[in-house]
Protein backbone atom coordinates (compact mmCIF):
# COMPACT_ATOMS: atom_id res chain seq x y z
CA MET A 1 92.93 1.31 45.26
CA ASN A 2 96.32 -0.35 45.81
CA LYS A 3 98.63 -1.37 42.97
CA LEU A 4 97.80 -5.08 43.21
CA ASP A 5 94.03 -4.32 43.04
CA VAL A 6 94.69 -2.26 39.95
CA VAL A 7 96.58 -5.19 38.40
CA LYS A 8 93.75 -7.69 39.33
CA SER A 9 91.08 -5.36 37.97
CA LYS A 10 92.45 -5.88 34.48
CA ILE A 11 91.53 -9.62 34.61
CA ILE A 12 88.02 -9.46 33.25
CA ASP A 13 85.44 -12.22 32.97
CA ILE A 14 84.16 -12.52 29.28
CA ASP A 15 80.66 -12.05 30.64
CA ASN A 16 81.64 -8.64 32.10
CA ILE A 17 83.64 -7.16 29.16
CA ILE A 18 80.78 -5.35 27.42
CA PRO A 19 80.70 -2.27 29.65
CA TYR A 20 84.49 -1.79 29.24
CA LEU A 21 84.21 -2.19 25.44
CA THR A 22 81.30 0.37 25.35
CA TYR A 23 83.24 2.84 27.49
CA TRP A 24 86.33 2.55 25.31
CA LYS A 25 84.31 2.89 22.10
CA LEU A 26 82.46 5.88 23.43
CA LYS A 27 85.84 7.50 24.18
CA ASN A 28 86.92 6.69 20.55
CA GLN A 29 89.67 4.42 21.81
CA LYS A 30 91.22 2.23 19.21
CA ILE A 31 90.89 -1.39 20.67
CA VAL A 32 93.75 -3.81 19.89
CA PHE A 33 93.32 -7.50 20.48
CA THR A 34 95.87 -10.35 20.57
CA ASN A 35 95.82 -13.74 22.21
CA GLY A 36 98.08 -16.50 23.38
CA CYS A 37 99.17 -18.84 26.15
CA PHE A 38 102.09 -16.63 27.41
CA ASP A 39 103.23 -19.53 29.55
CA ILE A 40 106.52 -18.20 30.76
CA LEU A 41 106.50 -14.38 30.23
CA HIS A 42 109.83 -13.42 28.56
CA ARG A 43 111.48 -10.60 26.61
CA GLY A 44 109.83 -11.82 23.26
CA HIS A 45 106.40 -11.57 24.83
CA VAL A 46 106.96 -8.14 26.32
CA GLU A 47 108.40 -6.58 23.13
CA TYR A 48 105.58 -8.26 21.06
CA LEU A 49 102.92 -7.06 23.41
CA ALA A 50 104.36 -3.47 23.58
CA LYS A 51 104.37 -3.28 19.82
CA ALA A 52 100.84 -4.57 19.61
CA ALA A 53 99.72 -2.08 22.20
CA SER A 54 101.26 0.73 20.07
CA SER A 55 98.79 -0.06 17.38
CA GLY A 56 95.98 1.49 19.35
CA ASN A 57 94.88 2.90 22.71
CA VAL A 58 93.59 -0.18 24.48
CA LEU A 59 95.16 -3.61 24.45
CA VAL A 60 92.96 -6.55 25.22
CA ILE A 61 94.70 -9.96 25.54
CA GLY A 62 92.71 -13.20 25.18
CA LEU A 63 94.67 -15.69 27.33
CA ASN A 64 94.14 -19.44 26.94
CA THR A 65 92.95 -21.30 29.98
CA ASP A 66 94.95 -24.17 31.41
CA SER A 67 92.84 -26.77 29.77
CA SER A 68 93.07 -24.89 26.44
CA VAL A 69 96.88 -24.78 26.71
CA ARG A 70 97.02 -28.50 27.50
CA ARG A 71 94.97 -29.41 24.42
CA ILE A 72 97.24 -27.16 22.17
CA LYS A 73 100.73 -27.63 23.77
CA GLY A 74 100.49 -31.05 25.39
CA GLU A 75 99.89 -32.59 28.87
CA ASN A 76 103.02 -31.00 30.44
CA ARG A 77 101.89 -27.43 29.69
CA PRO A 78 101.30 -24.90 30.90
CA ILE A 79 104.17 -24.40 33.28
CA GLN A 80 102.28 -21.61 35.15
CA ASP A 81 98.64 -21.70 35.89
CA GLU A 82 96.14 -19.35 34.18
CA TYR A 83 95.85 -17.00 37.09
CA ALA A 84 99.67 -16.61 37.42
CA ARG A 85 99.85 -15.95 33.74
CA ALA A 86 96.97 -13.49 33.78
CA ILE A 87 98.49 -11.50 36.81
CA LEU A 88 101.91 -11.31 35.08
CA LEU A 89 100.28 -9.95 31.82
CA ALA A 90 97.95 -7.55 33.79
CA SER A 91 100.98 -6.07 35.58
CA LEU A 92 102.37 -4.68 32.25
CA SER A 93 101.36 -0.99 32.21
CA PHE A 94 100.26 -0.99 28.50
CA VAL A 95 97.81 -3.86 28.95
CA SER A 96 94.21 -2.84 29.46
CA ALA A 97 92.37 -6.15 29.88
CA ILE A 98 93.02 -9.85 30.12
CA ILE A 99 90.13 -12.27 29.18
CA LEU A 100 90.48 -15.99 29.72
CA PHE A 101 89.02 -18.23 27.04
CA ASN A 102 88.70 -22.00 27.02
CA GLU A 103 88.27 -22.71 23.35
CA ASP A 104 91.25 -23.78 21.18
CA THR A 105 90.91 -20.51 19.18
CA PRO A 106 89.72 -17.06 20.29
CA TYR A 107 87.17 -16.74 17.40
CA GLU A 108 84.13 -16.28 19.60
CA LEU A 109 86.04 -13.94 21.87
CA ILE A 110 87.19 -11.82 18.88
CA LYS A 111 83.44 -11.64 17.72
CA LYS A 112 82.56 -10.24 21.13
CA VAL A 113 85.39 -7.84 21.51
CA ASN A 114 85.14 -6.69 17.87
CA PRO A 115 88.52 -5.01 17.92
CA ASP A 116 89.83 -2.29 15.58
CA VAL A 117 93.08 -4.00 15.23
CA LEU A 118 93.92 -7.78 15.53
CA VAL A 119 97.51 -8.62 16.08
CA LYS A 120 99.40 -11.91 15.72
CA GLY A 121 102.97 -12.91 15.10
CA SER A 122 104.41 -12.80 11.54
CA ASP A 123 104.61 -16.61 11.50
CA TYR A 124 101.01 -16.27 10.31
CA LYS A 125 99.77 -14.92 7.04
CA ALA A 126 97.20 -12.15 7.88
CA GLU A 127 94.39 -13.97 5.91
CA ASP A 128 95.04 -17.19 7.93
CA ILE A 129 94.71 -15.42 11.37
CA VAL A 130 91.73 -16.53 13.39
CA GLY A 131 89.28 -13.61 13.45
CA TYR A 132 90.65 -12.11 10.21
CA ASP A 133 87.13 -12.24 8.63
CA ILE A 134 85.48 -10.53 11.64
CA VAL A 135 87.89 -7.70 11.91
CA LYS A 136 88.07 -6.95 8.12
CA GLU A 137 84.22 -7.16 7.83
CA ASN A 138 83.92 -4.47 10.55
CA GLY A 139 86.50 -2.18 8.91
CA GLY A 140 89.43 -3.02 11.15
CA GLU A 141 92.99 -4.06 10.35
CA VAL A 142 95.06 -7.13 10.93
CA VAL A 143 98.69 -6.61 11.85
CA THR A 144 101.59 -9.15 12.07
CA ILE A 145 104.61 -8.54 14.29
CA ASP A 146 107.96 -10.19 13.91
CA PHE A 147 109.20 -12.27 16.87
CA ILE A 148 112.59 -11.78 18.43
CA GLU A 149 114.76 -14.61 17.38
CA GLY A 150 115.69 -16.96 20.16
CA TYR A 151 112.97 -15.93 22.66
CA SER A 152 110.12 -18.46 23.16
CA THR A 153 108.78 -20.48 25.97
CA THR A 154 109.81 -23.63 24.03
CA SER A 155 113.45 -22.39 23.68
CA ILE A 156 113.63 -21.51 27.44
CA LEU A 157 112.33 -24.98 28.31
CA GLU A 158 114.94 -26.58 25.98
CA LYS A 159 117.70 -24.70 27.74
CA LEU A 160 116.55 -26.09 31.08
CA LYS A 161 116.77 -29.61 29.78
CA ASP A 162 120.45 -29.12 28.91
């Protein structure tokens, strides 16, 4: 398999994720889940995702679809389409799977993945993170990670306006 096929193989349809989850759980792999739009991949994203991946063995990313991003961020977003965003994330060596979701929150996806660790930015209180109840009920942990000051898609877009 060539390198591009390896990257593409990490983009998994939600209906096909169960065999992967079963395999990872059979291998006693600690599954970490996070989600986001990841519109313009930047240093802040990479460091956040690397730290998230360090919380376990397998990093699964729930990626908002284009229509989901538009509902959340506005009509001018995303800058990059969902496939471009998925390919960029999948190219990171520490990312195991990318799953697109169309809802405004990843609640149903978290239910399906049932991760051992749920990770979000520290701008959230752990108890307020979508999926907190699912993960805690199943004996998992919820972790928050600090963002790197000055690195966000919004700040990059603001610089482009100047």
